[in-house]
């Protein structure tokens, strides 16, 4: 027999993202995150009291709460010969995905 408990993560530090050789232009920046309480179905299930059988409503809540949507969106402008830079706070076991989608060229 074992005891299961919630172990919140701790803030580690800030992470500076620097990407060089990004072509000049306007971009949509989207940030996706998986980690504690962010696209984390296990913690949602834990918060429900770990039922042996999930109801349809509970399954729907888990899916809606952890749907993989981005946590941050911004339109950014990148100048010629200037690296893209962004800073994020990171917690233990966080995983981030950043996407830059070009809207138009700055030529």
PDB file of N, CA and C in Angstrom:
ATOM      1  N   UNK A   1       0.847  -1.190   0.000  1.00  0.00           N
ATOM      2  CA  UNK A   1       0.000   0.000   0.000  1.00  0.00           C
ATOM      3  C   UNK A   1       0.889   1.248   0.000  1.00  0.00           C
ATOM      4  N   UNK A   2       0.580   2.212  -0.796  1.00  0.00           N
ATOM      5  CA  UNK A   2       1.389   3.424  -0.878  1.00  0.00           C
ATOM      6  C   UNK A   2       0.483   4.643  -0.847  1.00  0.00           C
ATOM      7  N   UNK A   3       1.077   5.747  -0.514  1.00  0.00           N
ATOM      8  CA  UNK A   3       0.355   7.002  -0.397  1.00  0.00           C
ATOM      9  C   UNK A   3       0.700   7.878  -1.592  1.00  0.00           C
ATOM     10  N   UNK A   4      -0.310   8.366  -2.289  1.00  0.00           N
ATOM     11  CA  UNK A   4      -0.085   9.264  -3.434  1.00  0.00           C
ATOM     12  C   UNK A   4      -0.406  10.673  -2.981  1.00  0.00           C
ATOM     13  N   UNK A   5       0.486  11.590  -3.278  1.00  0.00           N
ATOM     14  CA  UNK A   5       0.239  12.989  -2.933  1.00  0.00           C
ATOM     15  C   UNK A   5       0.656  13.891  -4.074  1.00  0.00           C
ATOM     16  N   UNK A   6       0.122  15.077  -4.057  1.00  0.00           N
ATOM     17  CA  UNK A   6       0.423  16.086  -5.068  1.00  0.00           C
ATOM     18  C   UNK A   6       1.761  16.723  -4.739  1.00  0.00           C
ATOM     19  N   UNK A   7       2.658  16.773  -5.697  1.00  0.00           N
ATOM     20  CA  UNK A   7       3.975  17.387  -5.505  1.00  0.00           C
ATOM     21  C   UNK A   7       4.142  18.542  -6.481  1.00  0.00           C
ATOM     22  N   UNK A   8       3.696  19.739  -6.098  1.00  0.00           N
ATOM     23  CA  UNK A   8       3.852  20.893  -6.996  1.00  0.00           C
ATOM     24  C   UNK A   8       5.320  21.118  -7.356  1.00  0.00           C
ATOM     25  N   UNK A   9       5.529  21.609  -8.552  1.00  0.00           N
ATOM     26  CA  UNK A   9       6.890  21.884  -8.999  1.00  0.00           C
ATOM     27  C   UNK A   9       7.358  23.227  -8.463  1.00  0.00           C
ATOM     28  N   UNK A  10       8.663  23.414  -8.510  1.00  0.00           N
ATOM     29  CA  UNK A  10       9.268  24.663  -8.051  1.00  0.00           C
ATOM     30  C   UNK A  10       9.817  25.433  -9.247  1.00  0.00           C
ATOM     31  N   UNK A  11       9.788  26.757  -9.110  1.00  0.00           N
ATOM     32  CA  UNK A  11      10.381  27.601 -10.151  1.00  0.00           C
ATOM     33  C   UNK A  11      11.889  27.344 -10.150  1.00  0.00           C
ATOM     34  N   UNK A  12      12.432  27.102 -11.333  1.00  0.00           N
ATOM     35  CA  UNK A  12      13.876  26.863 -11.448  1.00  0.00           C
ATOM     36  C   UNK A  12      14.600  28.181 -11.719  1.00  0.00           C
ATOM     37  N   UNK A  13      14.258  28.813 -12.797  1.00  0.00           N
ATOM     38  CA  UNK A  13      14.898  30.064 -13.196  1.00  0.00           C
ATOM     39  C   UNK A  13      14.246  30.564 -14.468  1.00  0.00           C
ATOM     40  N   UNK A  14      14.768  31.637 -14.988  1.00  0.00           N
ATOM     41  CA  UNK A  14      14.285  32.126 -16.281  1.00  0.00           C
ATOM     42  C   UNK A  14      15.213  31.601 -17.363  1.00  0.00           C
ATOM     43  N   UNK A  15      14.619  31.304 -18.498  1.00  0.00           N
ATOM     44  CA  UNK A  15      15.362  30.791 -19.642  1.00  0.00           C
ATOM     45  C   UNK A  15      15.294  31.833 -20.745  1.00  0.00           C
ATOM     46  N   UNK A  16      16.434  32.164 -21.309  1.00  0.00           N
ATOM     47  CA  UNK A  16      16.518  33.115 -22.406  1.00  0.00           C
ATOM     48  C   UNK A  16      16.649  32.341 -23.715  1.00  0.00           C
ATOM     49  N   UNK A  17      15.697  32.543 -24.608  1.00  0.00           N
ATOM     50  CA  UNK A  17      15.729  31.921 -25.936  1.00  0.00           C
ATOM     51  C   UNK A  17      16.354  32.917 -26.898  1.00  0.00           C
ATOM     52  N   UNK A  18      17.371  32.483 -27.631  1.00  0.00           N
ATOM     53  CA  UNK A  18      18.024  33.314 -28.652  1.00  0.00           C
ATOM     54  C   UNK A  18      18.112  32.493 -29.936  1.00  0.00           C
ATOM     55  N   UNK A  19      17.448  32.956 -30.980  1.00  0.00           N
ATOM     56  CA  UNK A  19      17.492  32.254 -32.260  1.00  0.00           C
ATOM     57  C   UNK A  19      18.061  33.214 -33.296  1.00  0.00           C
ATOM     58  N   UNK A  20      19.211  32.849 -33.834  1.00  0.00           N
ATOM     59  CA  UNK A  20      19.840  33.694 -34.845  1.00  0.00           C
ATOM     60  C   UNK A  20      19.404  33.249 -36.245  1.00  0.00           C
ATOM     61  N   UNK A  21      19.661  34.106 -37.203  1.00  0.00           N
ATOM     62  CA  UNK A  21      19.382  33.852 -38.621  1.00  0.00           C
ATOM     63  C   UNK A  21      17.899  33.637 -38.915  1.00  0.00           C
ATOM     64  N   UNK A  22      17.039  34.255 -38.125  1.00  0.00           N
ATOM     65  CA  UNK A  22      15.611  34.261 -38.454  1.00  0.00           C
ATOM     66  C   UNK A  22      15.426  35.335 -39.521  1.00  0.00           C
ATOM     67  N   UNK A  23      14.789  35.010 -40.645  1.00  0.00           N
ATOM     68  CA  UNK A  23      14.616  36.018 -41.691  1.00  0.00           C
ATOM     69  C   UNK A  23      13.765  37.179 -41.198  1.00  0.00           C
ATOM     70  N   UNK A  24      14.034  38.355 -41.725  1.00  0.00           N
ATOM     71  CA  UNK A  24      13.267  39.544 -41.342  1.00  0.00           C
ATOM     72  C   UNK A  24      11.804  39.367 -41.749  1.00  0.00           C
ATOM     73  N   UNK A  25      10.924  39.860 -40.899  1.00  0.00           N
ATOM     74  CA  UNK A  25       9.500  39.806 -41.212  1.00  0.00           C
ATOM     75  C   UNK A  25       8.644  39.791 -39.966  1.00  0.00           C
ATOM     76  N   UNK A  26       7.353  39.663 -40.197  1.00  0.00           N
ATOM     77  CA  UNK A  26       6.381  39.551 -39.109  1.00  0.00           C
ATOM     78  C   UNK A  26       6.038  38.084 -38.911  1.00  0.00           C
ATOM     79  N   UNK A  27       5.932  37.692 -37.646  1.00  0.00           N
ATOM     80  CA  UNK A  27       5.667  36.301 -37.293  1.00  0.00           C
ATOM     81  C   UNK A  27       4.592  36.211 -36.224  1.00  0.00           C
ATOM     82  N   UNK A  28       3.867  35.098 -36.240  1.00  0.00           N
ATOM     83  CA  UNK A  28       3.027  34.702 -35.118  1.00  0.00           C
ATOM     84  C   UNK A  28       3.886  33.797 -34.250  1.00  0.00           C
ATOM     85  N   UNK A  29       4.051  34.174 -32.987  1.00  0.00           N
ATOM     86  CA  UNK A  29       4.763  33.348 -32.016  1.00  0.00           C
ATOM     87  C   UNK A  29       3.725  32.657 -31.147  1.00  0.00           C
ATOM     88  N   UNK A  30       3.775  31.341 -31.098  1.00  0.00           N
ATOM     89  CA  UNK A  30       2.912  30.583 -30.203  1.00  0.00           C
ATOM     90  C   UNK A  30       3.794  29.714 -29.323  1.00  0.00           C
ATOM     91  N   UNK A  31       3.439  29.662 -28.033  1.00  0.00           N
ATOM     92  CA  UNK A  31       4.195  28.878 -27.065  1.00  0.00           C
ATOM     93  C   UNK A  31       3.264  27.825 -26.471  1.00  0.00           C
ATOM     94  N   UNK A  32       3.721  26.593 -26.516  1.00  0.00           N
ATOM     95  CA  UNK A  32       2.990  25.462 -25.951  1.00  0.00           C
ATOM     96  C   UNK A  32       3.798  24.927 -24.780  1.00  0.00           C
ATOM     97  N   UNK A  33       3.103  24.416 -23.774  1.00  0.00           N
ATOM     98  CA  UNK A  33       3.792  23.941 -22.579  1.00  0.00           C
ATOM     99  C   UNK A  33       3.126  22.678 -22.062  1.00  0.00           C
ATOM    100  N   UNK A  34       3.969  21.746 -21.627  1.00  0.00           N
ATOM    101  CA  UNK A  34       3.525  20.570 -20.884  1.00  0.00           C
ATOM    102  C   UNK A  34       4.287  20.601 -19.584  1.00  0.00           C
ATOM    103  N   UNK A  35       3.573  20.471 -18.472  1.00  0.00           N
ATOM    104  CA  UNK A  35       4.201  20.474 -17.160  1.00  0.00           C
ATOM    105  C   UNK A  35       3.128  20.455 -16.093  1.00  0.00           C
ATOM    106  N   UNK A  36       3.507  20.695 -14.893  1.00  0.00           N
ATOM    107  CA  UNK A  36       2.581  20.665 -13.770  1.00  0.00           C
ATOM    108  C   UNK A  36       1.447  21.667 -13.987  1.00  0.00           C
ATOM    109  N   UNK A  37       0.220  21.171 -13.974  1.00  0.00           N
ATOM    110  CA  UNK A  37      -1.006  21.959 -14.164  1.00  0.00           C
ATOM    111  C   UNK A  37      -1.115  22.615 -15.545  1.00  0.00           C
ATOM    112  N   UNK A  38      -0.327  22.179 -16.480  1.00  0.00           N
ATOM    113  CA  UNK A  38      -0.385  22.707 -17.832  1.00  0.00           C
ATOM    114  C   UNK A  38      -0.330  21.533 -18.809  1.00  0.00           C
ATOM    115  N   UNK A  39      -1.478  21.238 -19.430  1.00  0.00           N
ATOM    116  CA  UNK A  39      -1.593  20.037 -20.254  1.00  0.00           C
ATOM    117  C   UNK A  39      -1.143  18.817 -19.454  1.00  0.00           C
ATOM    118  N   UNK A  40      -1.722  18.701 -18.249  1.00  0.00           N
ATOM    119  CA  UNK A  40      -1.333  17.710 -17.254  1.00  0.00           C
ATOM    120  C   UNK A  40      -2.563  16.908 -16.806  1.00  0.00           C
ATOM    121  N   UNK A  41      -3.013  15.940 -17.623  1.00  0.00           N
ATOM    122  CA  UNK A  41      -4.222  15.205 -17.276  1.00  0.00           C
ATOM    123  C   UNK A  41      -4.099  14.419 -15.972  1.00  0.00           C
ATOM    124  N   UNK A  42      -2.904  13.982 -15.625  1.00  0.00           N
ATOM    125  CA  UNK A  42      -2.727  13.213 -14.397  1.00  0.00           C
ATOM    126  C   UNK A  42      -3.099  14.040 -13.163  1.00  0.00           C
ATOM    127  N   UNK A  43      -2.666  15.296 -13.113  1.00  0.00           N
ATOM    128  CA  UNK A  43      -2.995  16.144 -11.962  1.00  0.00           C
ATOM    129  C   UNK A  43      -4.484  16.487 -11.957  1.00  0.00           C
ATOM    130  N   UNK A  44      -5.082  16.677 -13.122  1.00  0.00           N
ATOM    131  CA  UNK A  44      -6.524  16.920 -13.179  1.00  0.00           C
ATOM    132  C   UNK A  44      -7.277  15.719 -12.609  1.00  0.00           C
ATOM    133  N   UNK A  45      -6.870  14.525 -13.002  1.00  0.00           N
ATOM    134  CA  UNK A  45      -7.462  13.286 -12.482  1.00  0.00           C
ATOM    135  C   UNK A  45      -7.244  13.197 -10.968  1.00  0.00           C
ATOM    136  N   UNK A  46      -6.047  13.520 -10.505  1.00  0.00           N
ATOM    137  CA  UNK A  46      -5.736  13.509  -9.065  1.00  0.00           C
ATOM    138  C   UNK A  46      -6.660  14.471  -8.319  1.00  0.00           C
ATOM    139  N   UNK A  47      -6.851  15.674  -8.865  1.00  0.00           N
ATOM    140  CA  UNK A  47      -7.713  16.676  -8.234  1.00  0.00           C
ATOM    141  C   UNK A  47      -9.172  16.231  -8.170  1.00  0.00           C
ATOM    142  N   UNK A  48      -9.561  15.296  -9.041  1.00  0.00           N
ATOM    143  CA  UNK A  48     -10.925  14.751  -9.017  1.00  0.00           C
ATOM    144  C   UNK A  48     -11.083  13.679  -7.944  1.00  0.00           C
ATOM    145  N   UNK A  49     -10.007  13.364  -7.243  1.00  0.00           N
ATOM    146  CA  UNK A  49     -10.064  12.326  -6.213  1.00  0.00           C
ATOM    147  C   UNK A  49      -9.707  10.943  -6.725  1.00  0.00           C
ATOM    148  N   UNK A  50      -9.127  10.860  -7.919  1.00  0.00           N
ATOM    149  CA  UNK A  50      -8.691   9.606  -8.536  1.00  0.00           C
ATOM    150  C   UNK A  50      -9.801   8.550  -8.573  1.00  0.00           C
ATOM    151  N   UNK A  51     -10.934   8.876  -9.179  1.00  0.00           N
ATOM    152  CA  UNK A  51     -12.037   7.905  -9.203  1.00  0.00           C
ATOM    153  C   UNK A  51     -11.651   6.635  -9.963  1.00  0.00           C
ATOM    154  N   UNK A  52     -12.190   5.492  -9.499  1.00  0.00           N
ATOM    155  CA  UNK A  52     -11.902   4.211 -10.171  1.00  0.00           C
ATOM    156  C   UNK A  52     -12.525   4.171 -11.564  1.00  0.00           C
ATOM    157  N   UNK A  53     -13.686   4.827 -11.714  1.00  0.00           N
ATOM    158  CA  UNK A  53     -14.356   4.891 -13.010  1.00  0.00           C
ATOM    159  C   UNK A  53     -14.724   6.344 -13.283  1.00  0.00           C
ATOM    160  N   UNK A  54     -14.250   6.865 -14.412  1.00  0.00           N
ATOM    161  CA  UNK A  54     -14.553   8.243 -14.789  1.00  0.00           C
ATOM    162  C   UNK A  54     -15.933   8.324 -15.432  1.00  0.00           C
ATOM    163  N   UNK A  55     -16.650   9.389 -15.124  1.00  0.00           N
ATOM    164  CA  UNK A  55     -17.913   9.651 -15.800  1.00  0.00           C
ATOM    165  C   UNK A  55     -17.615  10.338 -17.137  1.00  0.00           C
ATOM    166  N   UNK A  56     -18.612  10.427 -17.990  1.00  0.00           N
ATOM    167  CA  UNK A  56     -18.440  11.133 -19.265  1.00  0.00           C
ATOM    168  C   UNK A  56     -18.071  12.593 -19.016  1.00  0.00           C
ATOM    169  N   UNK A  57     -18.711  13.219 -18.017  1.00  0.00           N
ATOM    170  CA  UNK A  57     -18.404  14.620 -17.697  1.00  0.00           C
ATOM    171  C   UNK A  57     -16.965  14.778 -17.210  1.00  0.00           C
ATOM    172  N   UNK A  58     -16.476  13.824 -16.428  1.00  0.00           N
ATOM    173  CA  UNK A  58     -15.087  13.898 -15.951  1.00  0.00           C
ATOM    174  C   UNK A  58     -14.107  13.734 -17.108  1.00  0.00           C
ATOM    175  N   UNK A  59     -14.393  12.837 -18.014  1.00  0.00           N
ATOM    176  CA  UNK A  59     -13.534  12.654 -19.190  1.00  0.00           C
ATOM    177  C   UNK A  59     -13.511  13.935 -20.012  1.00  0.00           C
ATOM    178  N   UNK A  60     -14.680  14.535 -20.205  1.00  0.00           N
ATOM    179  CA  UNK A  60     -14.771  15.790 -20.946  1.00  0.00           C
ATOM    180  C   UNK A  60     -13.969  16.885 -20.263  1.00  0.00           C
ATOM    181  N   UNK A  61     -14.067  16.979 -18.932  1.00  0.00           N
ATOM    182  CA  UNK A  61     -13.308  17.990 -18.174  1.00  0.00           C
ATOM    183  C   UNK A  61     -11.806  17.774 -18.345  1.00  0.00           C
ATOM    184  N   UNK A  62     -11.345  16.536 -18.260  1.00  0.00           N
ATOM    185  CA  UNK A  62      -9.910  16.243 -18.447  1.00  0.00           C
ATOM    186  C   UNK A  62      -9.477  16.656 -19.851  1.00  0.00           C
ATOM    187  N   UNK A  63     -10.273  16.343 -20.860  1.00  0.00           N
ATOM    188  CA  UNK A  63      -9.925  16.697 -22.241  1.00  0.00           C
ATOM    189  C   UNK A  63      -9.924  18.207 -22.465  1.00  0.00           C
ATOM    190  N   UNK A  64     -10.919  18.900 -21.912  1.00  0.00           N
ATOM    191  CA  UNK A  64     -10.998  20.352 -22.079  1.00  0.00           C
ATOM    192  C   UNK A  64      -9.873  21.074 -21.349  1.00  0.00           C
ATOM    193  N   UNK A  65      -9.538  20.612 -20.165  1.00  0.00           N
ATOM    194  CA  UNK A  65      -8.508  21.254 -19.354  1.00  0.00           C
ATOM    195  C   UNK A  65      -7.112  21.024 -19.932  1.00  0.00           C
ATOM    196  N   UNK A  66      -6.921  19.932 -20.624  1.00  0.00           N
ATOM    197  CA  UNK A  66      -5.596  19.530 -21.113  1.00  0.00           C
ATOM    198  C   UNK A  66      -5.635  19.316 -22.621  1.00  0.00           C
ATOM    199  N   UNK A  67      -6.101  20.340 -23.337  1.00  0.00           N
ATOM    200  CA  UNK A  67      -6.367  20.197 -24.771  1.00  0.00           C
ATOM    201  C   UNK A  67      -5.176  20.517 -25.681  1.00  0.00           C
ATOM    202  N   UNK A  68      -4.025  20.837 -25.107  1.00  0.00           N
ATOM    203  CA  UNK A  68      -2.843  21.090 -25.931  1.00  0.00           C
ATOM    204  C   UNK A  68      -2.789  22.470 -26.560  1.00  0.00           C
ATOM    205  N   UNK A  69      -3.694  23.354 -26.191  1.00  0.00           N
ATOM    206  CA  UNK A  69      -3.672  24.689 -26.788  1.00  0.00           C
ATOM    207  C   UNK A  69      -2.469  25.492 -26.285  1.00  0.00           C
ATOM    208  N   UNK A  70      -2.126  26.514 -27.030  1.00  0.00           N
ATOM    209  CA  UNK A  70      -0.963  27.327 -26.662  1.00  0.00           C
ATOM    210  C   UNK A  70      -1.253  28.109 -25.385  1.00  0.00           C
ATOM    211  N   UNK A  71      -0.176  28.406 -24.647  1.00  0.00           N
ATOM    212  CA  UNK A  71      -0.311  29.175 -23.413  1.00  0.00           C
ATOM    213  C   UNK A  71       0.021  30.646 -23.632  1.00  0.00           C
ATOM    214  N   UNK A  72       0.571  30.957 -24.821  1.00  0.00           N
ATOM    215  CA  UNK A  72       0.995  32.329 -25.088  1.00  0.00           C
ATOM    216  C   UNK A  72       0.973  32.563 -26.591  1.00  0.00           C
ATOM    217  N   UNK A  73       0.530  33.767 -26.983  1.00  0.00           N
ATOM    218  CA  UNK A  73       0.507  34.146 -28.395  1.00  0.00           C
ATOM    219  C   UNK A  73       0.928  35.609 -28.509  1.00  0.00           C
ATOM    220  N   UNK A  74       1.718  35.888 -29.523  1.00  0.00           N
ATOM    221  CA  UNK A  74       2.142  37.268 -29.768  1.00  0.00           C
ATOM    222  C   UNK A  74       2.528  37.406 -31.236  1.00  0.00           C
ATOM    223  N   UNK A  75       2.221  38.564 -31.818  1.00  0.00           N
ATOM    224  CA  UNK A  75       2.751  38.910 -33.145  1.00  0.00           C
ATOM    225  C   UNK A  75       4.082  39.594 -32.891  1.00  0.00           C
ATOM    226  N   UNK A  76       5.125  39.141 -33.591  1.00  0.00           N
ATOM    227  CA  UNK A  76       6.446  39.733 -33.390  1.00  0.00           C
ATOM    228  C   UNK A  76       7.033  40.185 -34.715  1.00  0.00           C
ATOM    229  N   UNK A  77       7.897  41.173 -34.624  1.00  0.00           N
ATOM    230  CA  UNK A  77       8.614  41.673 -35.783  1.00  0.00           C
ATOM    231  C   UNK A  77      10.088  41.354 -35.592  1.00  0.00           C
ATOM    232  N   UNK A  78      10.683  40.722 -36.593  1.00  0.00           N
ATOM    233  CA  UNK A  78      12.106  40.412 -36.560  1.00  0.00           C
ATOM    234  C   UNK A  78      12.805  41.279 -37.591  1.00  0.00           C
ATOM    235  N   UNK A  79      13.807  42.008 -37.163  1.00  0.00           N
ATOM    236  CA  UNK A  79      14.594  42.870 -38.050  1.00  0.00           C
ATOM    237  C   UNK A  79      15.740  42.075 -38.669  1.00  0.00           C
ATOM    238  N   UNK A  80      16.192  42.521 -39.823  1.00  0.00           N
ATOM    239  CA  UNK A  80      17.300  41.867 -40.512  1.00  0.00           C
ATOM    240  C   UNK A  80      18.536  41.827 -39.610  1.00  0.00           C
ATOM    241  N   UNK A  81      19.206  40.669 -39.582  1.00  0.00           N
ATOM    242  CA  UNK A  81      20.444  40.448 -38.829  1.00  0.00           C
ATOM    243  C   UNK A  81      20.274  40.667 -37.319  1.00  0.00           C
ATOM    244  N   UNK A  82      19.056  40.513 -36.817  1.00  0.00           N
ATOM    245  CA  UNK A  82      18.797  40.642 -35.383  1.00  0.00           C
ATOM    246  C   UNK A  82      18.202  39.329 -34.887  1.00  0.00           C
ATOM    247  N   UNK A  83      18.827  38.709 -33.893  1.00  0.00           N
ATOM    248  CA  UNK A  83      18.274  37.441 -33.399  1.00  0.00           C
ATOM    249  C   UNK A  83      16.943  37.644 -32.680  1.00  0.00           C
ATOM    250  N   UNK A  84      16.119  36.615 -32.727  1.00  0.00           N
ATOM    251  CA  UNK A  84      14.872  36.613 -31.968  1.00  0.00           C
ATOM    252  C   UNK A  84      15.212  36.234 -30.530  1.00  0.00           C
ATOM    253  N   UNK A  85      14.710  36.997 -29.562  1.00  0.00           N
ATOM    254  CA  UNK A  85      14.977  36.735 -28.149  1.00  0.00           C
ATOM    255  C   UNK A  85      13.676  36.783 -27.354  1.00  0.00           C
ATOM    256  N   UNK A  86      13.545  35.864 -26.431  1.00  0.00           N
ATOM    257  CA  UNK A  86      12.373  35.815 -25.550  1.00  0.00           C
ATOM    258  C   UNK A  86      12.787  35.126 -24.256  1.00  0.00           C
ATOM    259  N   UNK A  87      12.207  35.584 -23.150  1.00  0.00           N
ATOM    260  CA  UNK A  87      12.537  35.011 -21.848  1.00  0.00           C
ATOM    261  C   UNK A  87      11.293  34.369 -21.244  1.00  0.00           C
ATOM    262  N   UNK A  88      11.465  33.186 -20.649  1.00  0.00           N
ATOM    263  CA  UNK A  88      10.383  32.457 -20.014  1.00  0.00           C
ATOM    264  C   UNK A  88      10.815  31.973 -18.643  1.00  0.00           C
ATOM    265  N   UNK A  89       9.846  31.969 -17.723  1.00  0.00           N
ATOM    266  CA  UNK A  89      10.086  31.345 -16.430  1.00  0.00           C
ATOM    267  C   UNK A  89       9.837  29.854 -16.595  1.00  0.00           C
ATOM    268  N   UNK A  90      10.749  29.052 -16.094  1.00  0.00           N
ATOM    269  CA  UNK A  90      10.620  27.606 -16.242  1.00  0.00           C
ATOM    270  C   UNK A  90      10.557  26.964 -14.865  1.00  0.00           C
ATOM    271  N   UNK A  91       9.729  25.930 -14.778  1.00  0.00           N
ATOM    272  CA  UNK A  91       9.575  25.170 -13.537  1.00  0.00           C
ATOM    273  C   UNK A  91      10.121  23.766 -13.761  1.00  0.00           C
ATOM    274  N   UNK A  92      10.304  23.043 -12.702  1.00  0.00           N
ATOM    275  CA  UNK A  92      10.785  21.670 -12.805  1.00  0.00           C
ATOM    276  C   UNK A  92       9.903  20.884 -13.775  1.00  0.00           C
ATOM    277  N   UNK A  93      10.518  20.122 -14.640  1.00  0.00           N
ATOM    278  CA  UNK A  93       9.850  19.212 -15.570  1.00  0.00           C
ATOM    279  C   UNK A  93       8.988  19.883 -16.636  1.00  0.00           C
ATOM    280  N   UNK A  94       9.102  21.179 -16.838  1.00  0.00           N
ATOM    281  CA  UNK A  94       8.374  21.847 -17.915  1.00  0.00           C
ATOM    282  C   UNK A  94       9.027  21.535 -19.258  1.00  0.00           C
ATOM    283  N   UNK A  95       8.193  21.411 -20.264  1.00  0.00           N
ATOM    284  CA  UNK A  95       8.660  21.249 -21.637  1.00  0.00           C
ATOM    285  C   UNK A  95       7.925  22.291 -22.471  1.00  0.00           C
ATOM    286  N   UNK A  96       8.665  23.074 -23.253  1.00  0.00           N
ATOM    287  CA  UNK A  96       8.090  24.125 -24.084  1.00  0.00           C
ATOM    288  C   UNK A  96       8.307  23.824 -25.556  1.00  0.00           C
ATOM    289  N   UNK A  97       7.362  24.260 -26.371  1.00  0.00           N
ATOM    290  CA  UNK A  97       7.497  24.250 -27.817  1.00  0.00           C
ATOM    291  C   UNK A  97       7.140  25.651 -28.284  1.00  0.00           C
ATOM    292  N   UNK A  98       8.057  26.289 -29.006  1.00  0.00           N
ATOM    293  CA  UNK A  98       7.818  27.613 -29.581  1.00  0.00           C
ATOM    294  C   UNK A  98       7.700  27.449 -31.085  1.00  0.00           C
ATOM    295  N   UNK A  99       6.675  28.060 -31.660  1.00  0.00           N
ATOM    296  CA  UNK A  99       6.544  28.060 -33.119  1.00  0.00           C
ATOM    297  C   UNK A  99       6.527  29.493 -33.621  1.00  0.00           C
ATOM    298  N   UNK A 100       7.260  29.723 -34.682  1.00  0.00           N
ATOM    299  CA  UNK A 100       7.257  31.013 -35.379  1.00  0.00           C
ATOM    300  C   UNK A 100       6.679  30.767 -36.767  1.00  0.00           C
ATOM    301  N   UNK A 101       5.556  31.394 -37.049  1.00  0.00           N
ATOM    302  CA  UNK A 101       4.914  31.252 -38.346  1.00  0.00           C
ATOM    303  C   UNK A 101       4.963  32.600 -39.049  1.00  0.00           C
ATOM    304  N   UNK A 102       5.625  32.619 -40.185  1.00  0.00           N
ATOM    305  CA  UNK A 102       5.792  33.885 -40.918  1.00  0.00           C
ATOM    306  C   UNK A 102       4.476  34.375 -41.480  1.00  0.00           C
ATOM    307  N   UNK A 103       4.197  35.645 -41.207  1.00  0.00           N
ATOM    308  CA  UNK A 103       2.984  36.288 -41.727  1.00  0.00           C
ATOM    309  C   UNK A 103       3.309  36.977 -43.046  1.00  0.00           C
ATOM    310  N   UNK A 104       4.403  37.777 -43.009  1.00  0.00           N
ATOM    311  CA  UNK A 104       4.873  38.400 -44.247  1.00  0.00           C
ATOM    312  C   UNK A 104       6.329  38.835 -44.081  1.00  0.00           C
ATOM    313  N   UNK A 105       7.006  39.046 -45.231  1.00  0.00           N
ATOM    314  CA  UNK A 105       8.395  39.462 -45.266  1.00  0.00           C
ATOM    315  C   UNK A 105       8.520  40.953 -44.989  1.00  0.00           C
ATOM    316  N   UNK A 106       9.640  41.341 -44.414  1.00  0.00           N
ATOM    317  CA  UNK A 106       9.969  42.755 -44.172  1.00  0.00           C
ATOM    318  C   UNK A 106      11.041  43.210 -45.160  1.00  0.00           C
ATOM    319  N   UNK A 107      10.802  42.992 -46.432  1.00  0.00           N
ATOM    320  CA  UNK A 107      11.818  43.366 -47.444  1.00  0.00           C
ATOM    321  C   UNK A 107      11.558  44.726 -48.012  1.00  0.00           C
TER     322      UNK A 107
END
